[in-house]
Each structure stands twice: as C-alpha cells, then as structure tokens.
Amino acid sequence: MRPTARVLIALAIFASLFSFIKFSHCEDKNWATPDQYIHACYSDLPSLFGDRGLNTHKWAYVGGDKAVEYPVITGVVMYATSWLIPTNSHSATNYFLLNALLIALLFIFVVILIAHMKPQFWYLLPIAPAMIASLYINWDLWAITTMLVAIYWFDKEKYKWSALALGISISTKFMPIFLLLPIILILWRKNKIREIAEYAAVVLASWLAINLPVALTTPQGWWRFYELNLSRGADWGSPWLAMSMLGLHLGNLNYLTVLALLAGLTAITLIFFEFGFTPTLAQMSFILLATVMIVSKVYSPQYVLWLTPLAILGLSNKKSIHAFWIWQGGEIIYHIAIWQHLATVTGASFGLPAAGYALVTLVRIATTIYLIAVIARNAIKNSRTDEGHPHTRLFDFLFEASSSYP
C-alpha cells in the first residue's frame, strides 16, 4: 500500500533534521580538527569551501592542484552556491548550511521516488542509520538523484530520457557509468539492439555537451578528477588498504583493482543469466555498484548514500530485510570506525588504531557481500518460480547436455 504524501515528506524531513543535529556539533566548533573526527561530524562542504578557493568565488576548475576534484556538475554546484554566500567570518558555516538545505531537498525527493518504485519497503530509506549519519558529508546526493531518475525511466522503458539522466549523473559523479553494463545486458536480452546504440549515443552526447566547455577552457582542472582516481593508491575503506594495515602489502595495485573489477563484472553477468526472466535495472543496480565499490581503491563514508536506496530497490521480500539491517549495522560501525581512526591520525589522544580500523573495514565488506548474495539468491529463486517458461540458464547452456545438433 502506497504511503500518503504527508507521511513521506514528514519522515524524510525528520531524517534530514536528525542528520543535521549530528553535524551541528562541528558547526558550533567551526569544524576544528581532530574534534570533527572525534564527534564524527566531518563534512567536505565547509572544508573544501576554503581549501579550493570557493570562498573567493574562484571558478572551480582553475588553480591547478587547488581545482575541485569532482566532475563538472558537482563543481558547478560548488561554485554557484559559493556566490550566494557573503564573505565574512561565518562564510564556511553559511556555505555548509546552504548546501545542506539543497541536499535535504534532494533527499526528500529521493524518498518520494523510492516510495513510487518500491512502495512496500520505502520506509527503510529515511530510517536507515548509515544513510542518516552520512547525509551531509559531500555533494553525492546530486548524482544519486539523477541516477535513480535514470533507473526509474529505464524500467518504464523511457530509454532516451533515462539516457539523458544517466549522462547528467555521470557528469556529476562518475560512478553511474557502471550501470551501462546491466543496461546493455537487459536491452540485449530483450532483443533491443537498436536501443542499445541509441542509449549509448544519448549518454555520450549529454556527457560531451556538459564536459567539453570545461575541458576545452580549463583542461588541467577538468582532468584533475580523473588523474587523481587513476594515480591514487590504496585509500580509506578499501580492502587493499585494510590488507596493507594488517601486514599484507600488495604491489601493482592498479592491475589488481582492474582484475578484481573484471572478475566482479563477470560474476554479475553470470548472475544476470541466472534470472529466469529479464530483471529490471532496479534489481541489478545494487549488485553492480556494491561490487564495484568493494573492489575499488577507495570507499568514502558517503558511498553508503548510493547503496542504501539501491539495496531497498533490490529487496524482493520481507525475509530479506534482515540482510539489509545486517549490512546497515556493518556500515554504521564502519562510519564510527573511520572517524575514530582519523582522529588518532590527526592528533587525538584516543581513537581506533590501524589494525582495528582494518578489521572493521573487512567486516563492512563482508556484510555487503552477504546482502549482495541474499538479493541475488532471492531474485534468482523468485524468477524461477514466477516464470512458467524461463530463459535458459547460462550454466545449463555451457555445461549440460542437450539434444543433438542440428
């Protein structure tokens, strides 16, 4: 049964305010270090306002290593909102408040959208503790919103609108580009080869239209985001850093991450062919992005904002909700752990040592893998019981005997 608009908005506003209370301590202390880590209220919003010269209304992509390290639309949001903030001693706090308000409005929209897409489980989004804890860390919700719109339109078979929204989302944060894999698989399985080409063309055209003006006028600043991601080493939240902290040092990290990513994408393709019917993009998105984030060189605390709505879209029945809460438990423990470890690194007299942080990182990854497994298993099981004449499984096609050819 669909909730009323009043209930939706009220619960979303309550979650937004509850998250704001968590961050308000740092606002009162003017984002001091290590206090902002000790109280787990760090936010990039005020931090980058000064560090990237936004307090002087400098264009986001000039200044070499002081250019913003984000794709174009995020940079434009950062730059545009800086012009609404007068220069004074409270500028950083006012910048945070303005951007937090916009993020809260986006969050309310996302809750409403998830209620339309998954009316039986929408309530999990505004009460998910890791979602609430991370709401105002970064600008990610701008990209998440357009990504969810792209998924919604794709599953409604409005492919051109979906492709436009996905191009915008990729221009805001690069992560949604990985959704092209399940999109291609779904359209191919529906024998919509022409639509694959059209979808890719619209995504590319929209991405180029947004990026080319910045890439041509300030190429160094535009490229900084991509350069940092290509050159970065094992970073916070990744299994690679956790293993390094526990004494297992691996070389050739770029090759390892590429191999792990290819292995993960191959596994997702195998899961796709295990479905008895063509799944929706909403059903595949969590499995895809969670896998990508597991093998990535970094897992920022706000990445849970991406995964929580996708996890809700992937739930198939009430029996799988326990896995959602186990995963949320792992995420909220990790949320506390990373800030307490950073507190130690930045001079606090107490905090979480490296080995403890590494173990919590691995626990978070384990809970994510468990949720992936539950969502995939339930979806495959339901697809076989609901469909009278299912598609041939890839395993059967490859390994089981069939009638003689021709």
Protein backbone atom coordinates (compact mmCIF):
# COMPACT_ATOMS: atom_id res chain seq x y z
CA MET A 1 0.00 0.00 0.00
CA ARG A 2 1.41 3.35 -1.00
CA PRO A 3 2.04 5.84 1.81
CA THR A 4 0.43 9.26 1.74
CA ALA A 5 2.49 12.23 0.56
CA ARG A 6 2.21 13.77 4.03
CA VAL A 7 3.76 10.71 5.70
CA LEU A 8 6.53 10.52 3.10
CA ILE A 9 7.56 14.14 3.43
CA ALA A 10 7.25 14.18 7.23
CA LEU A 11 9.52 11.15 7.66
CA ALA A 12 12.03 12.48 5.13
CA ILE A 13 12.15 15.87 6.88
CA PHE A 14 12.59 14.18 10.25
CA ALA A 15 15.52 12.13 8.91
CA SER A 16 17.09 15.26 7.37
CA LEU A 17 16.81 17.16 10.65
CA PHE A 18 18.13 14.22 12.66
CA SER A 19 21.17 14.07 10.39
CA PHE A 20 21.64 17.83 10.71
CA ILE A 21 21.72 17.53 14.51
CA LYS A 22 24.63 15.10 14.15
CA PHE A 23 26.59 17.64 12.09
CA SER A 24 25.64 20.65 14.20
CA HIS A 25 28.38 19.95 16.78
CA CYS A 26 31.06 20.62 14.16
CA GLU A 27 29.21 23.76 13.09
CA ASP A 28 29.35 25.04 16.67
CA LYS A 29 33.09 24.22 16.92
CA ASN A 30 33.88 25.74 13.50
CA TRP A 31 34.93 22.37 12.05
CA ALA A 32 38.03 22.08 14.25
CA THR A 33 40.40 19.09 13.91
CA PRO A 34 40.55 16.50 15.48
CA ASP A 35 37.24 17.40 17.12
CA GLN A 36 35.30 16.93 13.85
CA TYR A 37 36.59 13.34 13.63
CA ILE A 38 36.07 12.54 17.30
CA HIS A 39 32.41 13.56 17.00
CA ALA A 40 32.00 12.00 13.53
CA CYS A 41 30.64 15.22 12.01
CA TYR A 42 33.25 15.97 9.38
CA SER A 43 31.90 17.37 6.09
CA ASP A 44 33.58 18.26 2.81
CA LEU A 45 31.12 21.12 2.35
CA PRO A 46 32.84 23.69 4.61
CA SER A 47 36.28 22.08 4.31
CA LEU A 48 36.57 22.49 0.54
CA PHE A 49 34.95 25.93 0.60
CA GLY A 50 38.24 27.41 1.76
CA ASP A 51 40.70 24.78 0.52
CA ARG A 52 39.53 25.08 -3.09
CA GLY A 53 39.23 28.87 -3.10
CA LEU A 54 35.44 28.88 -3.34
CA ASN A 55 35.39 31.50 -0.58
CA THR A 56 36.91 33.90 -3.13
CA HIS A 57 34.34 32.88 -5.77
CA LYS A 58 37.10 31.37 -7.88
CA TRP A 59 35.93 29.22 -10.82
CA ALA A 60 36.01 25.62 -9.65
CA TYR A 61 38.39 24.35 -12.34
CA VAL A 62 41.21 26.91 -12.22
CA GLY A 63 44.16 26.85 -9.87
CA GLY A 64 45.95 23.59 -10.73
CA ASP A 65 46.06 21.39 -7.63
CA LYS A 66 43.53 23.72 -5.99
CA ALA A 67 40.87 22.94 -8.60
CA VAL A 68 37.96 20.87 -7.31
CA GLU A 69 38.46 17.12 -7.62
CA TYR A 70 34.95 16.39 -8.90
CA PRO A 71 33.19 16.05 -12.25
CA VAL A 72 31.66 19.12 -13.86
CA ILE A 73 28.14 19.36 -12.44
CA THR A 74 29.35 18.88 -8.87
CA GLY A 75 31.94 21.58 -9.48
CA VAL A 76 29.28 23.90 -10.88
CA VAL A 77 27.08 23.33 -7.81
CA MET A 78 30.05 24.05 -5.53
CA TYR A 79 30.90 27.20 -7.48
CA ALA A 80 27.36 28.52 -7.94
CA THR A 81 26.41 28.16 -4.28
CA SER A 82 29.59 29.98 -3.23
CA TRP A 83 28.28 33.14 -4.93
CA LEU A 84 25.25 33.12 -2.61
CA ILE A 85 27.48 33.36 0.47
CA PRO A 86 28.75 36.79 1.59
CA THR A 87 32.39 36.94 2.66
CA ASN A 88 32.67 37.14 6.45
CA SER A 89 33.85 35.10 9.42
CA HIS A 90 30.82 32.78 9.11
CA SER A 91 31.16 32.08 5.40
CA ALA A 92 32.18 28.42 5.72
CA THR A 93 29.30 27.67 8.07
CA ASN A 94 26.81 29.53 5.88
CA TYR A 95 28.13 27.65 2.84
CA PHE A 96 27.52 24.38 4.68
CA LEU A 97 24.01 25.43 5.69
CA LEU A 98 23.03 26.41 2.15
CA ASN A 99 24.33 23.21 0.60
CA ALA A 100 22.86 21.11 3.41
CA LEU A 101 19.45 22.64 2.69
CA LEU A 102 19.73 21.71 -1.00
CA ILE A 103 20.84 18.19 -0.08
CA ALA A 104 17.89 17.85 2.30
CA LEU A 105 15.51 18.82 -0.52
CA LEU A 106 17.15 16.24 -2.79
CA PHE A 107 16.80 13.63 -0.05
CA ILE A 108 13.08 14.33 0.32
CA PHE A 109 12.71 13.88 -3.45
CA VAL A 110 14.66 10.61 -3.32
CA VAL A 111 12.41 9.26 -0.55
CA ILE A 112 9.33 10.12 -2.64
CA LEU A 113 10.86 8.48 -5.72
CA ILE A 114 11.77 5.29 -3.84
CA ALA A 115 8.21 5.17 -2.47
CA HIS A 116 6.96 5.11 -6.07
CA MET A 117 9.49 2.49 -7.13
CA LYS A 118 9.33 0.23 -4.07
CA PRO A 119 6.22 1.11 -2.05
CA GLN A 120 6.47 -1.92 0.26
CA PHE A 121 9.97 -1.05 1.54
CA TRP A 122 10.34 2.72 1.03
CA TYR A 123 10.26 3.40 4.78
CA LEU A 124 13.69 1.77 5.18
CA LEU A 125 15.37 4.72 3.47
CA PRO A 126 14.60 7.53 5.94
CA ILE A 127 15.24 5.27 8.96
CA ALA A 128 18.48 3.67 7.70
CA PRO A 129 21.06 4.76 10.32
CA ALA A 130 24.06 4.83 7.97
CA MET A 131 22.09 6.92 5.48
CA ILE A 132 21.15 9.45 8.14
CA ALA A 133 24.70 9.56 9.54
CA SER A 134 26.24 10.38 6.15
CA LEU A 135 23.73 12.73 4.57
CA TYR A 136 25.77 15.96 4.64
CA ILE A 137 29.31 14.67 4.13
CA ASN A 138 29.53 15.52 0.44
CA TRP A 139 27.57 16.54 -2.66
CA ASP A 140 26.96 12.91 -3.79
CA LEU A 141 23.19 13.16 -3.48
CA TRP A 142 23.09 15.35 -6.60
CA ALA A 143 24.42 12.45 -8.66
CA ILE A 144 22.42 9.83 -6.77
CA THR A 145 19.17 11.65 -7.52
CA THR A 146 19.74 11.75 -11.27
CA MET A 147 20.96 8.14 -11.22
CA LEU A 148 17.73 7.00 -9.56
CA VAL A 149 15.71 9.01 -12.09
CA ALA A 150 17.64 7.25 -14.87
CA ILE A 151 16.80 3.85 -13.33
CA TYR A 152 13.15 4.81 -12.91
CA TRP A 153 12.80 5.96 -16.53
CA PHE A 154 14.72 2.95 -17.85
CA ASP A 155 12.41 0.48 -16.13
CA LYS A 156 9.47 2.48 -17.53
CA GLU A 157 11.09 1.96 -20.99
CA LYS A 158 11.60 5.68 -21.50
CA TYR A 159 15.09 5.00 -22.73
CA LYS A 160 16.06 8.38 -24.16
CA TRP A 161 15.04 10.24 -21.00
CA SER A 162 16.85 7.62 -18.93
CA ALA A 163 19.99 8.01 -21.03
CA LEU A 164 19.87 11.79 -20.63
CA ALA A 165 19.53 11.46 -16.84
CA LEU A 166 22.38 8.94 -16.74
CA GLY A 167 24.63 11.25 -18.78
CA ILE A 168 23.90 14.03 -16.29
CA SER A 169 24.59 11.70 -13.37
CA ILE A 170 27.92 10.56 -14.83
CA SER A 171 28.82 14.24 -15.27
CA THR A 172 28.11 14.76 -11.57
CA LYS A 173 29.88 11.69 -10.18
CA PHE A 174 31.50 9.14 -12.48
CA MET A 175 30.24 6.05 -10.60
CA PRO A 176 26.93 5.60 -12.52
CA ILE A 177 28.85 4.81 -15.71
CA PHE A 178 28.97 1.19 -14.50
CA LEU A 179 25.19 0.97 -14.89
CA LEU A 180 25.78 0.74 -18.62
CA LEU A 181 26.67 -2.95 -18.18
CA PRO A 182 23.25 -4.10 -16.87
CA ILE A 183 21.53 -1.65 -19.24
CA ILE A 184 23.23 -3.27 -22.23
CA LEU A 185 22.51 -6.78 -20.92
CA ILE A 186 18.84 -6.02 -20.31
CA LEU A 187 18.29 -4.43 -23.72
CA TRP A 188 20.24 -7.20 -25.44
CA ARG A 189 18.15 -9.86 -23.71
CA LYS A 190 15.01 -8.06 -24.88
CA ASN A 191 16.48 -8.10 -28.40
CA LYS A 192 16.55 -4.29 -28.49
CA ILE A 193 19.88 -3.89 -30.23
CA ARG A 194 18.98 -0.58 -31.82
CA GLU A 195 18.00 0.82 -28.43
CA ILE A 196 21.45 -0.09 -27.08
CA ALA A 197 23.11 2.11 -29.71
CA GLU A 198 20.62 4.94 -29.16
CA TYR A 199 21.01 4.78 -25.38
CA ALA A 200 24.80 4.87 -25.56
CA ALA A 201 24.67 7.75 -28.07
CA VAL A 202 22.44 9.89 -25.85
CA VAL A 203 24.61 9.21 -22.78
CA LEU A 204 27.75 10.14 -24.70
CA ALA A 205 26.20 13.22 -26.31
CA SER A 206 24.88 14.57 -23.00
CA TRP A 207 28.21 13.88 -21.26
CA LEU A 208 30.14 15.65 -24.02
CA ALA A 209 27.75 18.62 -24.04
CA ILE A 210 28.31 19.12 -20.32
CA ASN A 211 32.04 18.38 -20.18
CA LEU A 212 33.51 19.81 -23.38
CA PRO A 213 33.10 23.50 -22.45
CA VAL A 214 35.05 22.95 -19.23
CA ALA A 215 37.56 20.51 -20.73
CA LEU A 216 38.41 22.96 -23.53
CA THR A 217 38.63 26.11 -21.40
CA THR A 218 40.26 24.72 -18.23
CA PRO A 219 41.66 21.31 -19.25
CA GLN A 220 44.02 20.88 -16.31
CA GLY A 221 41.31 21.48 -13.72
CA TRP A 222 38.81 19.32 -15.61
CA TRP A 223 41.29 16.43 -15.82
CA ARG A 224 42.24 16.60 -12.13
CA PHE A 225 39.37 14.34 -11.03
CA TYR A 226 40.34 11.62 -13.49
CA GLU A 227 44.06 11.97 -12.80
CA LEU A 228 43.58 11.60 -9.05
CA ASN A 229 41.47 8.48 -9.45
CA LEU A 230 43.96 6.88 -11.84
CA SER A 231 47.02 7.68 -9.72
CA ARG A 232 45.69 7.20 -6.19
CA GLY A 233 46.99 4.34 -4.08
CA ALA A 234 45.13 2.15 -1.63
CA ASP A 235 42.81 4.58 0.13
CA TRP A 236 40.32 4.70 3.01
CA GLY A 237 37.73 1.94 3.17
CA SER A 238 39.25 -0.27 0.50
CA PRO A 239 40.19 -3.92 1.06
CA TRP A 240 43.63 -3.05 -0.31
CA LEU A 241 44.34 -0.54 2.47
CA ALA A 242 42.90 -2.89 5.09
CA MET A 243 45.19 -5.70 3.95
CA SER A 244 48.15 -3.32 3.96
CA MET A 245 47.36 -2.22 7.51
CA LEU A 246 47.25 -5.88 8.56
CA GLY A 247 50.70 -6.51 7.05
CA LEU A 248 49.76 -7.88 3.63
CA HIS A 249 51.34 -5.49 1.14
CA LEU A 250 50.34 -5.98 -2.49
CA GLY A 251 52.13 -4.46 -5.46
CA ASN A 252 50.74 -3.40 -8.84
CA LEU A 253 47.56 -2.08 -7.24
CA ASN A 254 46.13 -0.66 -10.46
CA TYR A 255 46.39 -4.05 -12.15
CA LEU A 256 44.90 -5.81 -9.14
CA THR A 257 41.91 -3.47 -8.98
CA VAL A 258 41.29 -3.83 -12.71
CA LEU A 259 41.46 -7.63 -12.46
CA ALA A 260 39.19 -7.64 -9.40
CA LEU A 261 36.75 -5.33 -11.20
CA LEU A 262 36.70 -7.55 -14.29
CA ALA A 263 36.13 -10.59 -12.10
CA GLY A 264 33.27 -8.81 -10.33
CA LEU A 265 31.65 -7.69 -13.59
CA THR A 266 31.96 -11.22 -14.96
CA ALA A 267 30.26 -12.59 -11.86
CA ILE A 268 27.44 -10.05 -12.28
CA THR A 269 26.98 -11.12 -15.90
CA LEU A 270 26.72 -14.76 -14.76
CA ILE A 271 24.14 -13.75 -12.13
CA PHE A 272 22.20 -11.91 -14.83
CA PHE A 273 21.90 -15.05 -16.90
CA GLU A 274 20.71 -16.99 -13.86
CA PHE A 275 17.49 -14.96 -13.79
CA GLY A 276 14.50 -16.83 -15.19
CA PHE A 277 13.23 -13.58 -16.68
CA THR A 278 14.82 -10.31 -17.73
CA PRO A 279 15.41 -8.39 -14.49
CA THR A 280 14.82 -4.69 -14.09
CA LEU A 281 17.66 -2.22 -13.80
CA ALA A 282 16.48 -1.51 -10.25
CA GLN A 283 17.01 -5.18 -9.36
CA MET A 284 20.55 -5.22 -10.78
CA SER A 285 21.88 -1.83 -9.67
CA PHE A 286 22.77 -2.64 -6.07
CA ILE A 287 24.56 -5.84 -7.04
CA LEU A 288 26.53 -3.92 -9.64
CA LEU A 289 27.55 -0.80 -7.71
CA ALA A 290 28.17 -2.63 -4.44
CA THR A 291 30.56 -4.98 -6.25
CA VAL A 292 32.35 -2.05 -7.89
CA MET A 293 32.73 -0.29 -4.53
CA ILE A 294 34.06 -3.43 -2.84
CA VAL A 295 37.00 -3.78 -5.25
CA SER A 296 37.62 -0.03 -5.64
CA LYS A 297 40.74 1.69 -4.31
CA VAL A 298 38.59 3.88 -2.04
CA TYR A 299 35.30 3.65 -0.17
CA SER A 300 34.35 7.08 1.14
CA PRO A 301 31.92 7.19 4.09
CA GLN A 302 29.22 8.87 1.96
CA TYR A 303 29.18 5.98 -0.53
CA VAL A 304 26.51 4.36 1.63
CA LEU A 305 24.18 7.06 0.27
CA TRP A 306 24.50 5.42 -3.14
CA LEU A 307 23.92 1.89 -1.95
CA THR A 308 21.04 2.33 0.51
CA PRO A 309 18.29 3.27 -1.98
CA LEU A 310 19.61 0.67 -4.44
CA ALA A 311 19.56 -2.00 -1.74
CA ILE A 312 15.93 -1.17 -0.99
CA LEU A 313 15.07 -1.44 -4.68
CA GLY A 314 16.77 -4.84 -4.75
CA LEU A 315 14.81 -6.35 -1.84
CA SER A 316 12.29 -8.91 -3.04
CA ASN A 317 10.50 -9.98 0.14
CA LYS A 318 10.31 -9.39 3.88
CA LYS A 319 12.60 -12.33 4.59
CA SER A 320 15.50 -10.45 3.02
CA ILE A 321 15.12 -7.38 5.26
CA HIS A 322 17.35 -8.98 7.91
CA ALA A 323 20.26 -8.84 5.45
CA PHE A 324 19.58 -5.15 4.90
CA TRP A 325 19.85 -4.46 8.63
CA ILE A 326 22.98 -6.61 8.99
CA TRP A 327 24.55 -4.57 6.21
CA GLN A 328 23.42 -1.27 7.75
CA GLY A 329 24.96 -2.44 11.02
CA GLY A 330 28.28 -3.02 9.27
CA GLU A 331 28.05 0.40 7.63
CA ILE A 332 27.27 2.33 10.82
CA ILE A 333 30.09 0.55 12.67
CA TYR A 334 32.42 1.49 9.84
CA HIS A 335 31.13 5.07 9.91
CA ILE A 336 32.19 5.35 13.54
CA ALA A 337 35.45 3.48 12.99
CA ILE A 338 36.85 5.62 10.18
CA TRP A 339 36.31 8.87 12.07
CA GLN A 340 37.84 7.48 15.25
CA HIS A 341 40.84 6.24 13.30
CA LEU A 342 41.22 9.63 11.57
CA ALA A 343 41.02 11.26 14.99
CA THR A 344 44.07 9.23 16.01
CA VAL A 345 45.89 10.12 12.79
CA THR A 346 45.22 13.86 13.28
CA GLY A 347 46.47 14.08 16.85
CA ALA A 348 43.65 12.98 19.16
CA SER A 349 44.77 11.38 22.41
CA PHE A 350 42.45 8.45 21.84
CA GLY A 351 40.84 6.69 18.90
CA LEU A 352 40.89 3.49 16.88
CA PRO A 353 44.28 2.04 15.91
CA ALA A 354 45.05 0.96 12.35
CA ALA A 355 44.55 -2.77 12.94
CA GLY A 356 41.12 -2.19 14.46
CA TYR A 357 40.11 0.06 11.58
CA ALA A 358 41.30 -2.52 9.05
CA LEU A 359 39.27 -5.29 10.70
CA VAL A 360 36.13 -3.12 10.74
CA THR A 361 36.70 -2.38 7.03
CA LEU A 362 36.73 -6.11 6.28
CA VAL A 363 33.60 -6.63 8.40
CA ARG A 364 31.81 -3.93 6.39
CA ILE A 365 32.84 -5.60 3.15
CA ALA A 366 31.64 -8.96 4.46
CA THR A 367 28.19 -7.56 5.32
CA THR A 368 27.98 -6.01 1.85
CA ILE A 369 28.83 -9.33 0.22
CA TYR A 370 26.17 -11.00 2.35
CA LEU A 371 23.49 -8.55 1.22
CA ILE A 372 24.56 -8.99 -2.42
CA ALA A 373 24.24 -12.76 -2.02
CA VAL A 374 20.80 -12.54 -0.39
CA ILE A 375 19.41 -10.15 -3.01
CA ALA A 376 20.84 -12.21 -5.89
CA ARG A 377 19.67 -15.55 -4.44
CA ASN A 378 16.14 -14.35 -3.75
CA ALA A 379 15.83 -12.71 -7.15
CA ILE A 380 17.01 -15.86 -8.94
CA LYS A 381 14.75 -18.08 -6.84
CA ASN A 382 11.71 -15.87 -7.42
CA SER A 383 12.40 -15.64 -11.14
CA ARG A 384 12.28 -19.41 -11.49
CA THR A 385 9.09 -19.88 -9.52
CA ASP A 386 7.23 -16.97 -11.09
CA GLU A 387 8.04 -17.71 -14.72
CA GLY A 388 6.43 -20.63 -16.46
CA HIS A 389 8.97 -20.84 -19.30
CA PRO A 390 12.19 -19.27 -18.11
CA HIS A 391 15.16 -18.33 -20.21
CA THR A 392 17.93 -20.90 -20.43
CA ARG A 393 20.41 -20.53 -17.58
CA LEU A 394 23.97 -19.80 -18.61
CA PHE A 395 25.22 -22.73 -16.52
CA ASP A 396 22.85 -25.10 -18.32
CA PHE A 397 23.85 -23.72 -21.70
CA LEU A 398 27.55 -24.16 -21.02
CA PHE A 399 27.73 -27.42 -19.13
CA GLU A 400 24.62 -29.56 -19.53
CA ALA A 401 23.94 -31.91 -22.42
CA SER A 402 21.22 -31.03 -24.87
CA SER A 403 19.64 -32.56 -27.93
CA SER A 404 21.94 -33.29 -30.81
CA TYR A 405 22.76 -30.60 -33.33
CA PRO A 406 21.18 -29.61 -35.63
